[in-house]
Amino acid sequence: AIITAGGSGMGAEAAKRLAADGFKVAILSSSGKGEALATELGGIG
């Protein structure tokens, strides 16, 4: 799954939920928070 604007708020929650569902996640965000979250979830940011 790819999640755009996924560094915070609903985008970040969607990334976490999809990762919990078994998806590999790739996250785009402008703040850098998406990269940190992707690392935490074992994905790419």
PDB file of all heavy atoms in Angstrom:
ATOM      1  N   ALA A   1       0.834  -1.202   0.000  1.00  0.00           N
ATOM      2  CA  ALA A   1       0.000   0.000   0.000  1.00  0.00           C
ATOM      3  C   ALA A   1       0.865   1.247   0.000  1.00  0.00           C
ATOM      4  O   ALA A   1       1.872   1.320   0.717  1.00  0.00           O
ATOM      5  CB  ALA A   1      -0.911   0.015   1.219  1.00  0.00           C
ATOM      6  N   ILE A   2       0.470   2.220  -0.810  1.00  0.00           N
ATOM      7  CA  ILE A   2       1.069   3.556  -0.799  1.00  0.00           C
ATOM      8  C   ILE A   2       0.103   4.502  -0.109  1.00  0.00           C
ATOM      9  O   ILE A   2      -1.104   4.476  -0.368  1.00  0.00           O
ATOM     10  CB  ILE A   2       1.350   4.044  -2.233  1.00  0.00           C
ATOM     11  CG1 ILE A   2       2.569   3.324  -2.823  1.00  0.00           C
ATOM     12  CG2 ILE A   2       1.555   5.549  -2.270  1.00  0.00           C
ATOM     13  CD1 ILE A   2       2.888   3.733  -4.240  1.00  0.00           C
ATOM     14  N   ILE A   3       0.641   5.347   0.766  1.00  0.00           N
ATOM     15  CA  ILE A   3      -0.166   6.350   1.454  1.00  0.00           C
ATOM     16  C   ILE A   3       0.483   7.708   1.233  1.00  0.00           C
ATOM     17  O   ILE A   3       1.654   7.912   1.590  1.00  0.00           O
ATOM     18  CB  ILE A   3      -0.279   6.073   2.977  1.00  0.00           C
ATOM     19  CG1 ILE A   3      -0.858   4.686   3.224  1.00  0.00           C
ATOM     20  CG2 ILE A   3      -1.155   7.136   3.640  1.00  0.00           C
ATOM     21  CD1 ILE A   3       0.178   3.601   3.426  1.00  0.00           C
ATOM     22  N   THR A   4      -0.235   8.638   0.630  1.00  0.00           N
ATOM     23  CA  THR A   4       0.286   9.986   0.452  1.00  0.00           C
ATOM     24  C   THR A   4      -0.211  10.879   1.590  1.00  0.00           C
ATOM     25  O   THR A   4      -1.263  10.614   2.180  1.00  0.00           O
ATOM     26  CB  THR A   4      -0.127  10.582  -0.905  1.00  0.00           C
ATOM     27  OG1 THR A   4      -1.542  10.777  -0.935  1.00  0.00           O
ATOM     28  CG2 THR A   4       0.294   9.674  -2.048  1.00  0.00           C
ATOM     29  N   ALA A   5       0.557  11.930   1.880  1.00  0.00           N
ATOM     30  CA  ALA A   5       0.258  12.800   3.023  1.00  0.00           C
ATOM     31  C   ALA A   5       0.050  11.947   4.270  1.00  0.00           C
ATOM     32  O   ALA A   5      -0.888  12.137   5.029  1.00  0.00           O
ATOM     33  CB  ALA A   5      -0.959  13.688   2.747  1.00  0.00           C
ATOM     34  N   GLY A   6       0.973  11.001   4.458  1.00  0.00           N
ATOM     35  CA  GLY A   6       0.819  10.004   5.512  1.00  0.00           C
ATOM     36  C   GLY A   6       1.672  10.221   6.742  1.00  0.00           C
ATOM     37  O   GLY A   6       1.882   9.295   7.520  1.00  0.00           O
ATOM     38  N   GLY A   7       2.148  11.436   6.955  1.00  0.00           N
ATOM     39  CA  GLY A   7       3.016  11.683   8.090  1.00  0.00           C
ATOM     40  C   GLY A   7       2.297  11.943   9.393  1.00  0.00           C
ATOM     41  O   GLY A   7       2.871  11.779  10.471  1.00  0.00           O
ATOM     42  N   SER A   8       1.028  12.326   9.327  1.00  0.00           N
ATOM     43  CA  SER A   8       0.275  12.639  10.539  1.00  0.00           C
ATOM     44  C   SER A   8      -1.213  12.490  10.264  1.00  0.00           C
ATOM     45  O   SER A   8      -1.629  12.246   9.129  1.00  0.00           O
ATOM     46  CB  SER A   8       0.591  14.067  11.019  1.00  0.00           C
ATOM     47  OG  SER A   8       0.224  15.007  10.026  1.00  0.00           O
ATOM     48  N   GLY A   9      -2.012  12.632  11.291  1.00  0.00           N
ATOM     49  CA  GLY A   9      -3.457  12.627  11.153  1.00  0.00           C
ATOM     50  C   GLY A   9      -4.017  11.348  10.565  1.00  0.00           C
ATOM     51  O   GLY A   9      -3.527  10.249  10.850  1.00  0.00           O
ATOM     52  N   MET A  10      -5.042  11.498   9.731  1.00  0.00           N
ATOM     53  CA  MET A  10      -5.729  10.329   9.176  1.00  0.00           C
ATOM     54  C   MET A  10      -4.840   9.526   8.243  1.00  0.00           C
ATOM     55  O   MET A  10      -4.947   8.301   8.170  1.00  0.00           O
ATOM     56  CB  MET A  10      -7.013  10.784   8.463  1.00  0.00           C
ATOM     57  CG  MET A  10      -8.073  11.273   9.420  1.00  0.00           C
ATOM     58  SD  MET A  10      -9.595  11.843   8.601  1.00  0.00           S
ATOM     59  CE  MET A  10      -9.090  13.486   8.072  1.00  0.00           C
ATOM     60  N   GLY A  11      -3.940  10.199   7.518  1.00  0.00           N
ATOM     61  CA  GLY A  11      -3.019   9.483   6.645  1.00  0.00           C
ATOM     62  C   GLY A  11      -2.110   8.557   7.425  1.00  0.00           C
ATOM     63  O   GLY A  11      -1.897   7.394   7.044  1.00  0.00           O
ATOM     64  N   ALA A  12      -1.566   9.054   8.532  1.00  0.00           N
ATOM     65  CA  ALA A  12      -0.682   8.230   9.364  1.00  0.00           C
ATOM     66  C   ALA A  12      -1.448   7.065   9.980  1.00  0.00           C
ATOM     67  O   ALA A  12      -0.937   5.932  10.041  1.00  0.00           O
ATOM     68  CB  ALA A  12      -0.042   9.086  10.458  1.00  0.00           C
ATOM     69  N   GLU A  13      -2.662   7.324  10.442  1.00  0.00           N
ATOM     70  CA  GLU A  13      -3.472   6.246  11.024  1.00  0.00           C
ATOM     71  C   GLU A  13      -3.793   5.182   9.979  1.00  0.00           C
ATOM     72  O   GLU A  13      -3.813   3.982  10.277  1.00  0.00           O
ATOM     73  CB  GLU A  13      -4.763   6.802  11.621  1.00  0.00           C
ATOM     74  CG  GLU A  13      -4.590   7.492  12.947  1.00  0.00           C
ATOM     75  CD  GLU A  13      -4.090   6.561  14.046  1.00  0.00           C
ATOM     76  OE1 GLU A  13      -4.490   5.376  14.070  1.00  0.00           O
ATOM     77  OE2 GLU A  13      -3.293   7.021  14.876  1.00  0.00           O
ATOM     78  N   ALA A  14      -4.046   5.618   8.744  1.00  0.00           N
ATOM     79  CA  ALA A  14      -4.318   4.654   7.676  1.00  0.00           C
ATOM     80  C   ALA A  14      -3.092   3.780   7.425  1.00  0.00           C
ATOM     81  O   ALA A  14      -3.215   2.562   7.236  1.00  0.00           O
ATOM     82  CB  ALA A  14      -4.716   5.386   6.394  1.00  0.00           C
ATOM     83  N   ALA A  15      -1.913   4.392   7.439  1.00  0.00           N
ATOM     84  CA  ALA A  15      -0.678   3.627   7.231  1.00  0.00           C
ATOM     85  C   ALA A  15      -0.504   2.591   8.335  1.00  0.00           C
ATOM     86  O   ALA A  15      -0.160   1.426   8.074  1.00  0.00           O
ATOM     87  CB  ALA A  15       0.512   4.570   7.172  1.00  0.00           C
ATOM     88  N   LYS A  16      -0.737   3.000   9.578  1.00  0.00           N
ATOM     89  CA  LYS A  16      -0.595   2.074  10.708  1.00  0.00           C
ATOM     90  C   LYS A  16      -1.594   0.921  10.598  1.00  0.00           C
ATOM     91  O   LYS A  16      -1.254  -0.235  10.852  1.00  0.00           O
ATOM     92  CB  LYS A  16      -0.802   2.822  12.026  1.00  0.00           C
ATOM     93  CG  LYS A  16       0.269   3.839  12.344  1.00  0.00           C
ATOM     94  CD  LYS A  16      -0.107   4.630  13.596  1.00  0.00           C
ATOM     95  CE  LYS A  16       0.840   5.772  13.853  1.00  0.00           C
ATOM     96  NZ  LYS A  16       0.419   6.597  15.013  1.00  0.00           N
ATOM     97  N   ARG A  17      -2.825   1.246  10.230  1.00  0.00           N
ATOM     98  CA  ARG A  17      -3.855   0.207  10.139  1.00  0.00           C
ATOM     99  C   ARG A  17      -3.545  -0.776   9.015  1.00  0.00           C
ATOM    100  O   ARG A  17      -3.666  -1.999   9.189  1.00  0.00           O
ATOM    101  CB  ARG A  17      -5.224   0.851   9.931  1.00  0.00           C
ATOM    102  CG  ARG A  17      -6.373  -0.142   9.710  1.00  0.00           C
ATOM    103  CD  ARG A  17      -6.511  -1.115  10.891  1.00  0.00           C
ATOM    104  NE  ARG A  17      -7.470  -2.154  10.600  1.00  0.00           N
ATOM    105  CZ  ARG A  17      -8.719  -2.182  11.101  1.00  0.00           C
ATOM    106  NH1 ARG A  17      -9.127  -1.223  11.910  1.00  0.00           N
ATOM    107  NH2 ARG A  17      -9.521  -3.171  10.786  1.00  0.00           N
ATOM    108  N   LEU A  18      -3.126  -0.265   7.867  1.00  0.00           N
ATOM    109  CA  LEU A  18      -2.818  -1.155   6.746  1.00  0.00           C
ATOM    110  C   LEU A  18      -1.606  -2.029   7.067  1.00  0.00           C
ATOM    111  O   LEU A  18      -1.568  -3.212   6.705  1.00  0.00           O
ATOM    112  CB  LEU A  18      -2.594  -0.345   5.475  1.00  0.00           C
ATOM    113  CG  LEU A  18      -3.862   0.302   4.896  1.00  0.00           C
ATOM    114  CD1 LEU A  18      -3.500   1.294   3.805  1.00  0.00           C
ATOM    115  CD2 LEU A  18      -4.830  -0.747   4.376  1.00  0.00           C
ATOM    116  N   ALA A  19      -0.630  -1.469   7.758  1.00  0.00           N
ATOM    117  CA  ALA A  19       0.517  -2.277   8.183  1.00  0.00           C
ATOM    118  C   ALA A  19       0.069  -3.381   9.130  1.00  0.00           C
ATOM    119  O   ALA A  19       0.513  -4.535   9.027  1.00  0.00           O
ATOM    120  CB  ALA A  19       1.578  -1.395   8.842  1.00  0.00           C
ATOM    121  N   ALA A  20      -0.841  -3.051  10.039  1.00  0.00           N
ATOM    122  CA  ALA A  20      -1.377  -4.060  10.956  1.00  0.00           C
ATOM    123  C   ALA A  20      -2.169  -5.128  10.208  1.00  0.00           C
ATOM    124  O   ALA A  20      -2.230  -6.285  10.640  1.00  0.00           O
ATOM    125  CB  ALA A  20      -2.261  -3.390  12.011  1.00  0.00           C
ATOM    126  N   ASP A  21      -2.761  -4.748   9.075  1.00  0.00           N
ATOM    127  CA  ASP A  21      -3.514  -5.685   8.246  1.00  0.00           C
ATOM    128  C   ASP A  21      -2.595  -6.582   7.404  1.00  0.00           C
ATOM    129  O   ASP A  21      -3.075  -7.454   6.689  1.00  0.00           O
ATOM    130  CB  ASP A  21      -4.452  -4.931   7.296  1.00  0.00           C
ATOM    131  CG  ASP A  21      -5.609  -4.261   8.013  1.00  0.00           C
ATOM    132  OD1 ASP A  21      -5.874  -4.591   9.189  1.00  0.00           O
ATOM    133  OD2 ASP A  21      -6.248  -3.382   7.402  1.00  0.00           O
ATOM    134  N   GLY A  22      -1.305  -6.323   7.461  1.00  0.00           N
ATOM    135  CA  GLY A  22      -0.358  -7.157   6.726  1.00  0.00           C
ATOM    136  C   GLY A  22       0.207  -6.536   5.473  1.00  0.00           C
ATOM    137  O   GLY A  22       0.953  -7.185   4.738  1.00  0.00           O
ATOM    138  N   PHE A  23      -0.127  -5.277   5.209  1.00  0.00           N
ATOM    139  CA  PHE A  23       0.412  -4.599   4.030  1.00  0.00           C
ATOM    140  C   PHE A  23       1.831  -4.112   4.290  1.00  0.00           C
ATOM    141  O   PHE A  23       2.146  -3.643   5.387  1.00  0.00           O
ATOM    142  CB  PHE A  23      -0.441  -3.389   3.658  1.00  0.00           C
ATOM    143  CG  PHE A  23      -1.729  -3.716   2.970  1.00  0.00           C
ATOM    144  CD1 PHE A  23      -2.875  -4.012   3.696  1.00  0.00           C
ATOM    145  CD2 PHE A  23      -1.806  -3.718   1.587  1.00  0.00           C
ATOM    146  CE1 PHE A  23      -4.065  -4.312   3.068  1.00  0.00           C
ATOM    147  CE2 PHE A  23      -2.997  -4.010   0.942  1.00  0.00           C
ATOM    148  CZ  PHE A  23      -4.129  -4.314   1.680  1.00  0.00           C
ATOM    149  N   LYS A  24       2.675  -4.188   3.276  1.00  0.00           N
ATOM    150  CA  LYS A  24       3.905  -3.423   3.248  1.00  0.00           C
ATOM    151  C   LYS A  24       3.515  -2.001   2.869  1.00  0.00           C
ATOM    152  O   LYS A  24       2.692  -1.800   1.970  1.00  0.00           O
ATOM    153  CB  LYS A  24       4.887  -3.989   2.227  1.00  0.00           C
ATOM    154  CG  LYS A  24       5.256  -5.451   2.467  1.00  0.00           C
ATOM    155  CD  LYS A  24       5.981  -5.648   3.779  1.00  0.00           C
ATOM    156  CE  LYS A  24       6.411  -7.095   3.967  1.00  0.00           C
ATOM    157  NZ  LYS A  24       7.096  -7.295   5.279  1.00  0.00           N
ATOM    158  N   VAL A  25       4.094  -1.006   3.550  1.00  0.00           N
ATOM    159  CA  VAL A  25       3.635   0.360   3.326  1.00  0.00           C
ATOM    160  C   VAL A  25       4.759   1.257   2.814  1.00  0.00           C
ATOM    161  O   VAL A  25       5.912   1.149   3.232  1.00  0.00           O
ATOM    162  CB  VAL A  25       3.018   0.977   4.602  1.00  0.00           C
ATOM    163  CG1 VAL A  25       1.743   0.237   4.985  1.00  0.00           C
ATOM    164  CG2 VAL A  25       4.010   0.982   5.757  1.00  0.00           C
ATOM    165  N   ALA A  26       4.380   2.142   1.898  1.00  0.00           N
ATOM    166  CA  ALA A  26       5.256   3.194   1.393  1.00  0.00           C
ATOM    167  C   ALA A  26       4.536   4.516   1.637  1.00  0.00           C
ATOM    168  O   ALA A  26       3.374   4.665   1.251  1.00  0.00           O
ATOM    169  CB  ALA A  26       5.548   3.004  -0.087  1.00  0.00           C
ATOM    170  N   ILE A  27       5.215   5.444   2.298  1.00  0.00           N
ATOM    171  CA  ILE A  27       4.557   6.661   2.777  1.00  0.00           C
ATOM    172  C   ILE A  27       5.244   7.899   2.218  1.00  0.00           C
ATOM    173  O   ILE A  27       6.467   8.016   2.256  1.00  0.00           O
ATOM    174  CB  ILE A  27       4.580   6.715   4.320  1.00  0.00           C
ATOM    175  CG1 ILE A  27       3.920   5.462   4.911  1.00  0.00           C
ATOM    176  CG2 ILE A  27       3.876   7.970   4.821  1.00  0.00           C
ATOM    177  CD1 ILE A  27       4.053   5.354   6.422  1.00  0.00           C
ATOM    178  N   LEU A  28       4.434   8.828   1.725  1.00  0.00           N
ATOM    179  CA  LEU A  28       4.919  10.140   1.292  1.00  0.00           C
ATOM    180  C   LEU A  28       4.422  11.195   2.269  1.00  0.00           C
ATOM    181  O   LEU A  28       3.236  11.212   2.621  1.00  0.00           O
ATOM    182  CB  LEU A  28       4.387  10.473  -0.104  1.00  0.00           C
ATOM    183  CG  LEU A  28       4.761  11.854  -0.651  1.00  0.00           C
ATOM    184  CD1 LEU A  28       6.205  11.853  -1.154  1.00  0.00           C
ATOM    185  CD2 LEU A  28       3.822  12.275  -1.783  1.00  0.00           C
ATOM    186  N   SER A  29       5.324  12.053   2.735  1.00  0.00           N
ATOM    187  CA  SER A  29       4.905  13.224   3.499  1.00  0.00           C
ATOM    188  C   SER A  29       5.912  14.338   3.292  1.00  0.00           C
ATOM    189  O   SER A  29       7.075  14.095   2.974  1.00  0.00           O
ATOM    190  CB  SER A  29       4.766  12.905   4.991  1.00  0.00           C
ATOM    191  OG  SER A  29       6.031  12.874   5.629  1.00  0.00           O
ATOM    192  N   SER A  30       5.455  15.564   3.482  1.00  0.00           N
ATOM    193  CA  SER A  30       6.326  16.715   3.259  1.00  0.00           C
ATOM    194  C   SER A  30       7.149  17.065   4.492  1.00  0.00           C
ATOM    195  O   SER A  30       8.131  17.804   4.398  1.00  0.00           O
ATOM    196  CB  SER A  30       5.490  17.930   2.832  1.00  0.00           C
ATOM    197  OG  SER A  30       4.523  18.241   3.820  1.00  0.00           O
ATOM    198  N   SER A  31       6.765  16.526   5.642  1.00  0.00           N
ATOM    199  CA  SER A  31       7.393  16.921   6.903  1.00  0.00           C
ATOM    200  C   SER A  31       8.580  16.056   7.307  1.00  0.00           C
ATOM    201  O   SER A  31       9.351  16.429   8.185  1.00  0.00           O
ATOM    202  CB  SER A  31       6.363  16.845   8.033  1.00  0.00           C
ATOM    203  OG  SER A  31       5.960  15.493   8.234  1.00  0.00           O
ATOM    204  N   GLY A  32       8.706  14.890   6.691  1.00  0.00           N
ATOM    205  CA  GLY A  32       9.697  13.932   7.140  1.00  0.00           C
ATOM    206  C   GLY A  32       9.141  12.925   8.119  1.00  0.00           C
ATOM    207  O   GLY A  32       9.746  11.874   8.375  1.00  0.00           O
ATOM    208  N   LYS A  33       7.958  13.219   8.674  1.00  0.00           N
ATOM    209  CA  LYS A  33       7.337  12.291   9.616  1.00  0.00           C
ATOM    210  C   LYS A  33       6.952  10.980   8.938  1.00  0.00           C
ATOM    211  O   LYS A  33       6.936   9.924   9.558  1.00  0.00           O
ATOM    212  CB  LYS A  33       6.102  12.927  10.252  1.00  0.00           C
ATOM    213  CG  LYS A  33       6.405  14.099  11.166  1.00  0.00           C
ATOM    214  CD  LYS A  33       5.120  14.686  11.728  1.00  0.00           C
ATOM    215  CE  LYS A  33       5.398  15.888  12.618  1.00  0.00           C
ATOM    216  NZ  LYS A  33       4.125  16.490  13.126  1.00  0.00           N
ATOM    217  N   GLY A  34       6.634  11.047   7.649  1.00  0.00           N
ATOM    218  CA  GLY A  34       6.262   9.840   6.917  1.00  0.00           C
ATOM    219  C   GLY A  34       7.425   8.874   6.806  1.00  0.00           C
ATOM    220  O   GLY A  34       7.242   7.657   6.919  1.00  0.00           O
ATOM    221  N   GLU A  35       8.615   9.403   6.588  1.00  0.00           N
ATOM    222  CA  GLU A  35       9.797   8.535   6.533  1.00  0.00           C
ATOM    223  C   GLU A  35      10.023   7.845   7.862  1.00  0.00           C
ATOM    224  O   GLU A  35      10.323   6.643   7.920  1.00  0.00           O
ATOM    225  CB  GLU A  35      11.033   9.347   6.144  1.00  0.00           C
ATOM    226  CG  GLU A  35      11.151   9.629   4.657  1.00  0.00           C
ATOM    227  CD  GLU A  35      12.567   9.993   4.248  1.00  0.00           C
ATOM    228  OE1 GLU A  35      13.466   9.155   4.496  1.00  0.00           O
ATOM    229  OE2 GLU A  35      12.760  11.087   3.698  1.00  0.00           O
ATOM    230  N   ALA A  36       9.887   8.594   8.964  1.00  0.00           N
ATOM    231  CA  ALA A  36      10.077   8.014  10.291  1.00  0.00           C
ATOM    232  C   ALA A  36       9.030   6.942  10.572  1.00  0.00           C
ATOM    233  O   ALA A  36       9.347   5.860  11.099  1.00  0.00           O
ATOM    234  CB  ALA A  36      10.010   9.110  11.351  1.00  0.00           C
ATOM    235  N   LEU A  37       7.777   7.218  10.221  1.00  0.00           N
ATOM    236  CA  LEU A  37       6.711   6.245  10.439  1.00  0.00           C
ATOM    237  C   LEU A  37       6.929   5.006   9.589  1.00  0.00           C
ATOM    238  O   LEU A  37       6.745   3.875  10.060  1.00  0.00           O
ATOM    239  CB  LEU A  37       5.356   6.882  10.125  1.00  0.00           C
ATOM    240  CG  LEU A  37       4.136   5.961  10.265  1.00  0.00           C
ATOM    241  CD1 LEU A  37       4.014   5.416  11.685  1.00  0.00           C
ATOM    242  CD2 LEU A  37       2.865   6.708   9.865  1.00  0.00           C
ATOM    243  N   ALA A  38       7.334   5.200   8.344  1.00  0.00           N
ATOM    244  CA  ALA A  38       7.581   4.052   7.459  1.00  0.00           C
ATOM    245  C   ALA A  38       8.682   3.166   8.025  1.00  0.00           C
ATOM    246  O   ALA A  38       8.574   1.926   7.993  1.00  0.00           O
ATOM    247  CB  ALA A  38       7.963   4.540   6.063  1.00  0.00           C
ATOM    248  N   THR A  39       9.730   3.759   8.552  1.00  0.00           N
ATOM    249  CA  THR A  39      10.811   2.982   9.167  1.00  0.00           C
ATOM    250  C   THR A  39      10.281   2.172  10.345  1.00  0.00           C
ATOM    251  O   THR A  39      10.590   0.979  10.496  1.00  0.00           O
ATOM    252  CB  THR A  39      11.942   3.914   9.635  1.00  0.00           C
ATOM    253  OG1 THR A  39      12.470   4.612   8.500  1.00  0.00           O
ATOM    254  CG2 THR A  39      13.053   3.124  10.306  1.00  0.00           C
ATOM    255  N   GLU A  40       9.454   2.811  11.159  1.00  0.00           N
ATOM    256  CA  GLU A  40       8.847   2.145  12.318  1.00  0.00           C
ATOM    257  C   GLU A  40       7.982   0.959  11.886  1.00  0.00           C
ATOM    258  O   GLU A  40       7.930  -0.072  12.574  1.00  0.00           O
ATOM    259  CB  GLU A  40       8.004   3.166  13.076  1.00  0.00           C
ATOM    260  CG  GLU A  40       7.246   2.641  14.279  1.00  0.00           C
ATOM    261  CD  GLU A  40       6.333   3.691  14.872  1.00  0.00           C
ATOM    262  OE1 GLU A  40       6.709   4.885  14.856  1.00  0.00           O
ATOM    263  OE2 GLU A  40       5.227   3.335  15.330  1.00  0.00           O
ATOM    264  N   LEU A  41       7.325   1.093  10.733  1.00  0.00           N
ATOM    265  CA  LEU A  41       6.406   0.057  10.258  1.00  0.00           C
ATOM    266  C   LEU A  41       7.081  -0.948   9.323  1.00  0.00           C
ATOM    267  O   LEU A  41       6.420  -1.828   8.780  1.00  0.00           O
ATOM    268  CB  LEU A  41       5.217   0.713   9.541  1.00  0.00           C
ATOM    269  CG  LEU A  41       4.339   1.640  10.393  1.00  0.00           C
ATOM    270  CD1 LEU A  41       3.286   2.329   9.524  1.00  0.00           C
ATOM    271  CD2 LEU A  41       3.661   0.868  11.531  1.00  0.00           C
ATOM    272  N   GLY A  42       8.385  -0.793   9.130  1.00  0.00           N
ATOM    273  CA  GLY A  42       9.114  -1.712   8.258  1.00  0.00           C
ATOM    274  C   GLY A  42       8.889  -1.464   6.780  1.00  0.00           C
ATOM    275  O   GLY A  42       9.065  -2.368   5.951  1.00  0.00           O
ATOM    276  N   GLY A  43       8.541  -0.237   6.441  1.00  0.00           N
ATOM    277  CA  GLY A  43       8.284   0.104   5.042  1.00  0.00           C
ATOM    278  C   GLY A  43       9.300   1.079   4.499  1.00  0.00           C
ATOM    279  O   GLY A  43      10.433   1.153   4.976  1.00  0.00           O
ATOM    280  N   ILE A  44       8.880   1.849   3.506  1.00  0.00           N
ATOM    281  CA  ILE A  44       9.758   2.865   2.927  1.00  0.00           C
ATOM    282  C   ILE A  44       9.038   4.206   2.931  1.00  0.00           C
ATOM    283  O   ILE A  44       7.808   4.267   2.814  1.00  0.00           O
ATOM    284  CB  ILE A  44      10.200   2.504   1.488  1.00  0.00           C
ATOM    285  CG1 ILE A  44       8.996   2.295   0.564  1.00  0.00           C
ATOM    286  CG2 ILE A  44      11.098   1.281   1.492  1.00  0.00           C
ATOM    287  CD1 ILE A  44       9.379   2.049  -0.884  1.00  0.00           C
ATOM    288  N   GLY A  45       9.803   5.271   3.100  1.00  0.00           N
ATOM    289  CA  GLY A  45       9.228   6.604   3.133  1.00  0.00           C
ATOM    290  C   GLY A  45       9.962   7.546   2.216  1.00  0.00           C
ATOM    291  O   GLY A  45      11.173   7.411   2.009  1.00  0.00           O
TER     292      GLY A  45
END
